[in-house]
Amino acid sequence: MNAITDINNKYNSSIALIVLCCRIHFKSSNLDDLKAFISVNNIDWPEFYINCRKQKVRPIVYRILLKIELPEAIKKSLSNELNRLTLQSFEQAKETERIIFLCGEKGINLIPYKGTAFSKQFFGNIGMRESSDIDLIITPEDLPKAIETLEKDGYSPYQKEYYQWVGHENFIQFHKDFSFDKHIRTKRIHHVELHFNIIGKTTYLPDYRNTFATQQTTTYQLFQKEVDCLLPVEHFRAVALHHMLMDTMGYLKTVVDLAQMFQSIQDIQSNQELNSKEIAVLKKMEEKYNLSLVKNLIKSLLGVDLPIYSSQKSINSLRKRILSGSYRKVRENKSPFFDTISFTYTQLKYSTCFYVKRIDKFKHLSKSFINIMHPQPEDCTSIILPKYLFFMYYIIRPFRLVFFPGDPTKK
């Protein structure tokens, strides 16, 4: 575990304070350590608020800080923001539950994923994590009916015209979810994603399973009613793949999530509550994906000691990326084109770290490079062509990326 003084010296006191609070959550440090740190360091509180928001760990950190004596103005600010985040979590849980039962009446089975369901399942409290989206799992066959149902409920679907133009089968083949927004006047109040795959189709999976196992589920009371949820091991697998291969462990929230999941799965396993199929899933995850790297990162940042399947490469680059807050900086260049190059390079560089075998790293890079040129919704909405000219989008795409990167419908 890296010493807090080392983090403080290399980065700043606000980052060190955030990490220390997360360690207290996992009981690898205590409140006396926190009091001592604050007493000898001049905390830049505005910078702390910004970094805490970037790292997406405000509920955990603010709860810890409110347990000690602080200046009244700081305590009031923390309390007000924590109350706002808690209310937001309850509103999301309430809306998640409402959508599940609304669609259930139409014969559409939805299962919550990540978000408040994850908080409930692994933290025991829906308000312990920051979450801006409502993520729900759907079978591809139910998607058309779900689009109709949510539209009637006041949700605006993303890229519906593209979905209709490209066709249902092609959309399912090349995408992982379908998104909606609900607004009150000009303010967005909810963002919903219906997931039929775990991660994007451009990402290589050595175990070849990009779908959710929903044949068996468990139940949790999300807001007022019990809803079906993924089994813990399946939820662990899906979130771990998402955090490693899509978010590339770019901020502290992903590290905290995985540490919490590892501890929960260990508790379930020690109580002999896992069946042989679930144990096989966990073993395959260890064999195919670099969970040892993740566990070493967790130990270094949070002080949580986890059994390592095999020794792996250094975590220094990942740790530095998280603590320096550079995950979003690749999108802050003046040129959108160079933003795209920088972001793509960074994603490939770090996502490749999470494969164990060299052949899998190579397959991931090869698939990613090939799929960079596959037409996306932004290409098809920039210039509308007849379907029989779809092949032209392979020619249009490189020019569109250079001259009109991003979503042209939002310009």
Protein backbone atom coordinates (compact mmCIF):
# COMPACT_ATOMS: atom_id res chain seq x y z
CA MET A 1 0.00 0.00 0.00
CA ASN A 2 1.38 3.37 -1.03
CA ALA A 3 1.95 5.71 1.90
CA ILE A 4 -0.47 8.65 1.98
CA THR A 5 2.51 10.98 2.47
CA ASP A 6 3.98 9.72 -0.83
CA ILE A 7 0.69 10.37 -2.65
CA ASN A 8 0.48 13.79 -1.03
CA ASN A 9 4.03 14.70 -2.08
CA LYS A 10 3.71 13.39 -5.64
CA TYR A 11 0.21 14.70 -6.40
CA ASN A 12 -1.53 16.97 -3.90
CA SER A 13 -3.29 16.94 -0.54
CA SER A 14 -6.79 16.75 -2.02
CA ILE A 15 -6.01 13.52 -3.94
CA ALA A 16 -4.31 12.06 -0.85
CA LEU A 17 -7.36 12.97 1.25
CA ILE A 18 -9.72 11.23 -1.21
CA VAL A 19 -7.61 8.06 -1.21
CA LEU A 20 -7.36 8.09 2.58
CA CYS A 21 -11.17 8.32 2.94
CA CYS A 22 -11.58 5.38 0.57
CA ARG A 23 -9.09 3.39 2.65
CA ILE A 24 -11.10 4.13 5.79
CA HIS A 25 -14.18 2.76 4.02
CA PHE A 26 -12.26 -0.50 3.48
CA LYS A 27 -10.86 -0.40 7.04
CA SER A 28 -7.23 -0.26 5.90
CA SER A 29 -6.92 3.14 7.65
CA ASN A 30 -8.93 4.76 10.45
CA LEU A 31 -10.43 8.07 11.50
CA ASP A 32 -7.38 8.93 13.63
CA ASP A 33 -5.27 8.79 10.46
CA LEU A 34 -7.75 11.14 8.81
CA LYS A 35 -7.70 13.63 11.69
CA ALA A 36 -3.91 13.61 11.77
CA PHE A 37 -3.68 14.16 8.00
CA ILE A 38 -6.05 17.13 8.01
CA SER A 39 -4.33 18.68 11.03
CA VAL A 40 -0.92 18.85 9.32
CA ASN A 41 -1.99 19.61 5.74
CA ASN A 42 -3.52 22.71 4.23
CA ILE A 43 -6.43 21.26 2.23
CA ASP A 44 -7.46 23.20 -0.85
CA TRP A 45 -11.17 22.47 -0.47
CA PRO A 46 -12.32 23.84 -3.87
CA GLU A 47 -9.70 21.63 -5.52
CA PHE A 48 -10.82 18.72 -3.32
CA TYR A 49 -14.45 19.09 -4.51
CA ILE A 50 -13.33 19.11 -8.16
CA ASN A 51 -11.09 16.06 -7.78
CA CYS A 52 -13.70 14.16 -5.81
CA ARG A 53 -16.23 14.75 -8.58
CA LYS A 54 -13.71 13.65 -11.23
CA GLN A 55 -12.92 10.46 -9.31
CA LYS A 56 -16.68 9.82 -8.84
CA VAL A 57 -16.42 8.74 -5.20
CA ARG A 58 -18.23 11.59 -3.44
CA PRO A 59 -20.79 9.49 -1.47
CA ILE A 60 -18.11 7.34 0.20
CA VAL A 61 -15.66 10.18 0.80
CA TYR A 62 -18.21 12.67 2.11
CA ARG A 63 -19.69 10.12 4.51
CA ILE A 64 -16.26 9.47 5.99
CA LEU A 65 -15.40 13.16 6.34
CA LEU A 66 -18.68 13.94 8.09
CA LYS A 67 -17.64 11.59 10.90
CA ILE A 68 -14.95 14.01 12.14
CA GLU A 69 -14.84 17.63 13.25
CA LEU A 70 -14.47 20.08 10.38
CA PRO A 71 -15.06 23.83 9.92
CA GLU A 72 -18.79 24.50 9.88
CA ALA A 73 -18.81 25.85 6.31
CA ILE A 74 -17.00 22.75 4.99
CA LYS A 75 -19.26 20.40 6.92
CA LYS A 76 -22.38 22.17 5.63
CA SER A 77 -21.12 22.00 2.04
CA LEU A 78 -20.34 18.28 2.34
CA SER A 79 -23.68 17.54 3.99
CA ASN A 80 -25.70 19.46 1.41
CA GLU A 81 -23.96 17.77 -1.51
CA LEU A 82 -24.27 14.32 0.07
CA ASN A 83 -28.00 14.91 0.63
CA ARG A 84 -28.37 15.95 -3.02
CA LEU A 85 -26.53 12.85 -4.24
CA THR A 86 -28.57 10.61 -1.93
CA LEU A 87 -31.83 12.11 -3.19
CA GLN A 88 -30.62 11.60 -6.77
CA SER A 89 -29.92 7.93 -6.01
CA PHE A 90 -33.41 7.47 -4.56
CA GLU A 91 -34.95 9.16 -7.61
CA GLN A 92 -32.97 6.85 -9.89
CA ALA A 93 -33.99 3.78 -7.89
CA LYS A 94 -37.62 4.90 -7.98
CA GLU A 95 -37.54 5.48 -11.75
CA THR A 96 -35.65 2.21 -12.35
CA GLU A 97 -38.32 0.32 -10.45
CA ARG A 98 -41.14 2.17 -12.25
CA ILE A 99 -39.70 1.41 -15.71
CA ILE A 100 -39.19 -2.28 -14.83
CA PHE A 101 -42.85 -2.68 -13.82
CA LEU A 102 -44.13 -0.48 -16.67
CA CYS A 103 -42.36 -2.64 -19.24
CA GLY A 104 -43.28 -5.81 -17.31
CA GLU A 105 -46.95 -5.01 -17.97
CA LYS A 106 -46.13 -5.16 -21.69
CA GLY A 107 -44.37 -8.52 -21.35
CA ILE A 108 -40.88 -6.97 -21.47
CA ASN A 109 -38.49 -8.37 -18.86
CA LEU A 110 -35.88 -5.84 -17.69
CA ILE A 111 -33.12 -6.48 -15.14
CA PRO A 112 -31.22 -3.61 -13.47
CA TYR A 113 -27.47 -3.48 -14.01
CA LYS A 114 -24.82 -1.26 -12.40
CA GLY A 115 -26.32 1.91 -10.90
CA THR A 116 -28.44 1.72 -7.77
CA ALA A 117 -28.95 -2.06 -8.14
CA PHE A 118 -25.17 -2.52 -7.96
CA SER A 119 -25.03 -0.27 -4.88
CA LYS A 120 -27.76 -2.27 -3.18
CA GLN A 121 -26.24 -5.64 -4.02
CA PHE A 122 -22.60 -4.96 -3.15
CA PHE A 123 -22.66 -1.97 -0.79
CA GLY A 124 -26.01 -2.66 0.89
CA ASN A 125 -27.09 0.94 0.31
CA ILE A 126 -28.37 2.51 -2.91
CA GLY A 127 -26.73 5.83 -2.03
CA MET A 128 -23.11 4.66 -1.76
CA ARG A 129 -22.14 5.27 -5.40
CA GLU A 130 -22.40 8.04 -7.95
CA SER A 131 -24.47 7.07 -10.95
CA SER A 132 -25.94 9.26 -13.66
CA ASP A 133 -27.60 6.56 -15.80
CA ILE A 134 -30.30 3.96 -15.42
CA ASP A 135 -28.89 0.76 -16.92
CA LEU A 136 -31.24 -2.12 -17.70
CA ILE A 137 -30.67 -5.49 -19.38
CA ILE A 138 -33.05 -6.47 -22.18
CA THR A 139 -33.26 -9.35 -24.62
CA PRO A 140 -32.78 -8.14 -28.23
CA GLU A 141 -36.19 -9.47 -29.24
CA ASP A 142 -37.91 -7.12 -26.78
CA LEU A 143 -36.15 -3.96 -27.93
CA PRO A 144 -38.73 -2.77 -30.52
CA LYS A 145 -41.54 -3.11 -27.99
CA ALA A 146 -39.46 -1.34 -25.31
CA ILE A 147 -38.76 1.59 -27.65
CA GLU A 148 -42.48 2.00 -28.27
CA THR A 149 -43.33 1.71 -24.55
CA LEU A 150 -40.75 4.22 -23.35
CA GLU A 151 -41.57 6.68 -26.12
CA LYS A 152 -45.20 6.66 -25.01
CA ASP A 153 -43.96 7.27 -21.47
CA GLY A 154 -42.22 10.49 -22.52
CA TYR A 155 -38.69 9.25 -23.23
CA SER A 156 -36.84 10.42 -26.33
CA PRO A 157 -34.84 7.64 -28.02
CA TYR A 158 -31.31 8.26 -29.27
CA GLN A 159 -30.74 7.63 -32.96
CA LYS A 160 -34.13 6.03 -33.57
CA GLU A 161 -33.94 7.02 -37.23
CA TYR A 162 -30.57 5.24 -37.52
CA TYR A 163 -31.98 2.15 -35.80
CA GLN A 164 -34.90 2.03 -38.23
CA TRP A 165 -32.67 2.74 -41.22
CA VAL A 166 -29.99 0.14 -40.46
CA GLY A 167 -32.52 -2.44 -39.28
CA HIS A 168 -32.93 -4.29 -35.99
CA GLU A 169 -30.62 -7.22 -36.76
CA ASN A 170 -27.74 -5.02 -37.93
CA PHE A 171 -28.16 -2.71 -34.96
CA ILE A 172 -27.95 -5.62 -32.51
CA GLN A 173 -24.95 -7.04 -34.34
CA PHE A 174 -22.80 -3.91 -34.05
CA HIS A 175 -23.98 -2.17 -30.85
CA LYS A 176 -24.36 -2.95 -27.16
CA ASP A 177 -27.27 -0.76 -26.03
CA PHE A 178 -30.08 1.60 -26.98
CA SER A 179 -30.43 4.89 -25.09
CA PHE A 180 -33.20 7.29 -24.09
CA ASP A 181 -33.49 10.66 -22.35
CA LYS A 182 -36.38 12.19 -20.46
CA HIS A 183 -36.55 15.97 -20.09
CA ILE A 184 -38.56 18.49 -18.15
CA ARG A 185 -38.47 21.51 -20.42
CA THR A 186 -34.76 21.73 -21.34
CA LYS A 187 -33.41 19.87 -18.30
CA ARG A 188 -32.55 16.19 -18.63
CA ILE A 189 -33.88 14.31 -15.61
CA HIS A 190 -33.16 10.70 -16.60
CA HIS A 191 -30.89 8.84 -19.01
CA VAL A 192 -31.79 5.19 -19.67
CA GLU A 193 -29.68 2.59 -21.44
CA LEU A 194 -31.14 -0.76 -22.47
CA HIS A 195 -28.23 -3.22 -22.70
CA PHE A 196 -28.35 -6.36 -24.82
CA ASN A 197 -24.56 -6.84 -24.71
CA ILE A 198 -22.00 -6.18 -21.97
CA ILE A 199 -19.42 -4.21 -23.95
CA GLY A 200 -19.00 -2.81 -27.44
CA LYS A 201 -18.64 -5.25 -30.30
CA THR A 202 -15.25 -3.78 -31.25
CA THR A 203 -13.74 -5.26 -28.07
CA TYR A 204 -12.28 -8.77 -28.13
CA LEU A 205 -13.35 -11.20 -25.39
CA PRO A 206 -11.15 -14.31 -24.92
CA ASP A 207 -14.05 -16.23 -23.35
CA TYR A 208 -16.35 -15.25 -26.25
CA ARG A 209 -19.35 -14.33 -24.05
CA ASN A 210 -20.63 -10.79 -24.42
CA THR A 211 -24.13 -11.51 -23.13
CA PHE A 212 -25.68 -11.47 -19.68
CA ALA A 213 -26.64 -14.75 -18.00
CA THR A 214 -30.20 -14.05 -16.86
CA GLN A 215 -31.62 -17.58 -16.64
CA GLN A 216 -31.18 -17.47 -12.86
CA THR A 217 -31.61 -14.28 -10.86
CA THR A 218 -31.92 -13.08 -7.29
CA THR A 219 -34.22 -10.39 -5.84
CA TYR A 220 -33.60 -7.12 -4.00
CA GLN A 221 -35.87 -4.38 -2.78
CA LEU A 222 -34.69 -1.46 -4.88
CA PHE A 223 -37.06 1.33 -3.84
CA GLN A 224 -40.38 -0.02 -2.56
CA LYS A 225 -40.74 -3.30 -4.42
CA GLU A 226 -38.57 -6.35 -4.98
CA VAL A 227 -37.08 -6.68 -8.45
CA ASP A 228 -35.11 -9.43 -10.20
CA CYS A 229 -31.36 -8.76 -10.25
CA LEU A 230 -28.31 -10.52 -11.64
CA LEU A 231 -26.66 -13.10 -9.44
CA PRO A 232 -23.58 -11.61 -7.69
CA VAL A 233 -21.01 -13.53 -9.76
CA GLU A 234 -22.69 -12.57 -13.05
CA HIS A 235 -22.98 -8.93 -11.96
CA PHE A 236 -19.30 -9.04 -10.95
CA ARG A 237 -18.27 -10.42 -14.34
CA ALA A 238 -20.25 -7.83 -16.32
CA VAL A 239 -19.10 -4.82 -14.29
CA ALA A 240 -15.49 -6.04 -14.16
CA LEU A 241 -15.39 -6.38 -17.97
CA HIS A 242 -16.97 -2.95 -18.36
CA HIS A 243 -14.58 -1.25 -15.92
CA MET A 244 -11.47 -2.93 -17.37
CA LEU A 245 -12.12 -2.92 -21.10
CA MET A 246 -14.37 0.13 -21.56
CA ASP A 247 -13.54 2.50 -18.68
CA THR A 248 -9.97 1.08 -18.60
CA MET A 249 -9.89 1.66 -14.82
CA GLY A 250 -9.51 5.36 -15.51
CA TYR A 251 -10.75 6.79 -12.21
CA LEU A 252 -10.95 5.81 -8.56
CA LYS A 253 -14.62 4.75 -8.63
CA THR A 254 -13.74 1.75 -10.83
CA VAL A 255 -11.09 0.64 -8.33
CA VAL A 256 -13.49 1.03 -5.39
CA ASP A 257 -16.23 -0.89 -7.23
CA LEU A 258 -13.96 -3.83 -8.00
CA ALA A 259 -12.53 -3.90 -4.47
CA GLN A 260 -16.06 -3.98 -3.04
CA MET A 261 -17.06 -6.76 -5.45
CA PHE A 262 -13.99 -8.86 -4.73
CA GLN A 263 -14.68 -8.66 -0.99
CA SER A 264 -18.36 -9.54 -1.45
CA ILE A 265 -17.56 -12.51 -3.68
CA GLN A 266 -14.96 -13.70 -1.16
CA ASP A 267 -17.57 -13.57 1.62
CA ILE A 268 -20.04 -15.56 -0.48
CA GLN A 269 -17.35 -18.08 -1.38
CA SER A 270 -16.19 -18.49 2.23
CA ASN A 271 -19.78 -19.27 3.21
CA GLN A 272 -19.81 -21.95 0.49
CA GLU A 273 -22.71 -20.28 -1.27
CA LEU A 274 -21.29 -20.54 -4.79
CA ASN A 275 -22.20 -23.41 -7.09
CA SER A 276 -19.75 -25.17 -9.41
CA LYS A 277 -20.84 -23.11 -12.43
CA GLU A 278 -20.18 -19.82 -10.62
CA ILE A 279 -16.78 -21.03 -9.41
CA ALA A 280 -15.93 -21.95 -13.03
CA VAL A 281 -16.91 -18.43 -14.17
CA LEU A 282 -14.60 -16.86 -11.57
CA LYS A 283 -11.75 -19.21 -12.53
CA LYS A 284 -12.12 -18.38 -16.22
CA MET A 285 -12.11 -14.65 -15.39
CA GLU A 286 -8.79 -15.10 -13.57
CA GLU A 287 -7.33 -17.11 -16.45
CA LYS A 288 -8.46 -14.90 -19.34
CA TYR A 289 -8.32 -11.38 -17.84
CA ASN A 290 -5.58 -9.70 -15.86
CA LEU A 291 -7.40 -9.56 -12.52
CA SER A 292 -4.03 -9.83 -10.78
CA LEU A 293 -3.15 -6.40 -12.14
CA VAL A 294 -6.45 -5.07 -10.80
CA LYS A 295 -5.87 -6.66 -7.39
CA ASN A 296 -2.37 -5.20 -7.15
CA LEU A 297 -3.81 -1.80 -8.04
CA ILE A 298 -6.47 -2.21 -5.33
CA LYS A 299 -3.82 -3.14 -2.77
CA SER A 300 -1.60 -0.22 -3.74
CA LEU A 301 -4.36 2.42 -3.64
CA LEU A 302 -6.85 1.09 -1.10
CA GLY A 303 -4.82 -1.30 1.06
CA VAL A 304 -7.20 -4.19 0.41
CA ASP A 305 -5.23 -7.45 0.30
CA LEU A 306 -6.64 -9.96 -2.19
CA PRO A 307 -5.31 -13.37 -3.31
CA ILE A 308 -3.32 -13.05 -6.54
CA TYR A 309 -3.78 -15.72 -9.23
CA SER A 310 -0.43 -14.93 -10.89
CA SER A 311 2.14 -12.14 -10.80
CA GLN A 312 1.72 -9.53 -13.53
CA LYS A 313 3.24 -6.30 -14.84
CA SER A 314 3.75 -3.07 -12.91
CA ILE A 315 0.74 -0.99 -11.91
CA ASN A 316 2.67 2.30 -11.87
CA SER A 317 1.23 3.64 -15.13
CA LEU A 318 -2.37 2.83 -14.16
CA ARG A 319 -1.96 4.25 -10.66
CA LYS A 320 -0.44 7.47 -12.00
CA ARG A 321 -3.23 7.83 -14.55
CA ILE A 322 -5.92 7.54 -11.87
CA LEU A 323 -4.32 9.85 -9.32
CA SER A 324 -3.36 12.50 -11.88
CA GLY A 325 -6.94 12.60 -13.19
CA SER A 326 -5.74 12.25 -16.79
CA TYR A 327 -8.59 9.96 -17.89
CA ARG A 328 -10.66 12.87 -19.24
CA LYS A 329 -7.75 15.06 -20.35
CA VAL A 330 -7.40 13.17 -23.62
CA ARG A 331 -10.63 14.89 -24.67
CA GLU A 332 -9.46 18.39 -23.83
CA ASN A 333 -7.31 19.20 -26.88
CA LYS A 334 -8.26 22.11 -29.09
CA SER A 335 -8.65 19.92 -32.17
CA PRO A 336 -11.47 17.33 -32.08
CA PHE A 337 -9.55 15.22 -34.58
CA PHE A 338 -6.52 14.97 -32.30
CA ASP A 339 -8.88 14.37 -29.38
CA THR A 340 -10.13 11.30 -31.23
CA ILE A 341 -6.61 10.03 -31.95
CA SER A 342 -5.47 10.64 -28.38
CA PHE A 343 -8.53 9.02 -26.83
CA THR A 344 -8.36 5.97 -29.12
CA TYR A 345 -4.64 5.49 -28.45
CA THR A 346 -5.13 5.79 -24.68
CA GLN A 347 -8.08 3.38 -24.67
CA LEU A 348 -6.14 0.76 -26.62
CA LYS A 349 -2.99 1.23 -24.52
CA TYR A 350 -4.75 0.62 -21.21
CA SER A 351 -7.43 -1.86 -22.26
CA THR A 352 -4.69 -4.14 -23.62
CA CYS A 353 -3.21 -4.33 -20.10
CA PHE A 354 -6.20 -6.34 -18.93
CA TYR A 355 -5.55 -9.38 -21.12
CA VAL A 356 -3.29 -12.15 -19.83
CA LYS A 357 -2.07 -13.81 -23.02
CA ARG A 358 -0.14 -12.05 -25.77
CA ILE A 359 -2.30 -13.64 -28.44
CA ASP A 360 -5.39 -12.13 -26.80
CA LYS A 361 -3.73 -8.70 -26.67
CA PHE A 362 -2.94 -9.03 -30.37
CA LYS A 363 -6.49 -10.12 -31.23
CA HIS A 364 -7.92 -7.21 -29.24
CA LEU A 365 -5.72 -4.67 -31.03
CA SER A 366 -6.40 -6.24 -34.44
CA LYS A 367 -10.16 -6.26 -33.91
CA SER A 368 -10.11 -2.69 -32.61
CA PHE A 369 -8.13 -1.36 -35.59
CA ILE A 370 -10.37 -3.17 -38.08
CA ASN A 371 -13.53 -1.90 -36.42
CA ILE A 372 -12.34 1.70 -36.26
CA MET A 373 -13.36 1.94 -39.91
CA HIS A 374 -16.75 0.32 -39.47
CA PRO A 375 -19.49 2.93 -40.07
CA GLN A 376 -21.10 4.34 -36.92
CA PRO A 377 -24.41 6.15 -36.42
CA GLU A 378 -22.59 9.50 -36.72
CA ASP A 379 -21.42 8.55 -40.21
CA CYS A 380 -24.87 7.52 -41.35
CA THR A 381 -26.50 10.68 -39.98
CA SER A 382 -23.87 13.00 -41.48
CA ILE A 383 -24.84 11.98 -45.03
CA ILE A 384 -28.04 10.05 -45.71
CA LEU A 385 -27.57 7.41 -48.41
CA PRO A 386 -29.84 4.64 -49.73
CA LYS A 387 -29.23 1.28 -48.06
CA TYR A 388 -27.75 -0.24 -51.19
CA LEU A 389 -24.96 2.36 -50.96
CA PHE A 390 -24.05 1.44 -47.38
CA PHE A 391 -20.55 0.41 -48.52
CA MET A 392 -19.87 4.10 -49.28
CA TYR A 393 -19.81 4.84 -45.55
CA TYR A 394 -16.53 2.91 -45.31
CA ILE A 395 -15.09 5.52 -47.69
CA ILE A 396 -16.85 8.47 -46.03
CA ARG A 397 -15.84 7.55 -42.48
CA PRO A 398 -12.13 8.54 -42.54
CA PHE A 399 -13.01 11.94 -44.07
CA ARG A 400 -15.80 12.44 -41.57
CA LEU A 401 -13.45 11.65 -38.68
CA VAL A 402 -10.93 14.22 -39.94
CA PHE A 403 -13.28 17.09 -40.81
CA PHE A 404 -16.40 16.45 -38.71
CA PRO A 405 -15.46 14.34 -35.64
CA GLY A 406 -18.16 13.79 -33.07
CA ASP A 407 -21.91 13.60 -33.59
CA PRO A 408 -22.99 15.95 -36.42
CA THR A 409 -26.56 16.00 -35.10
CA LYS A 410 -25.32 17.82 -31.99
CA LYS A 411 -23.49 20.58 -33.85
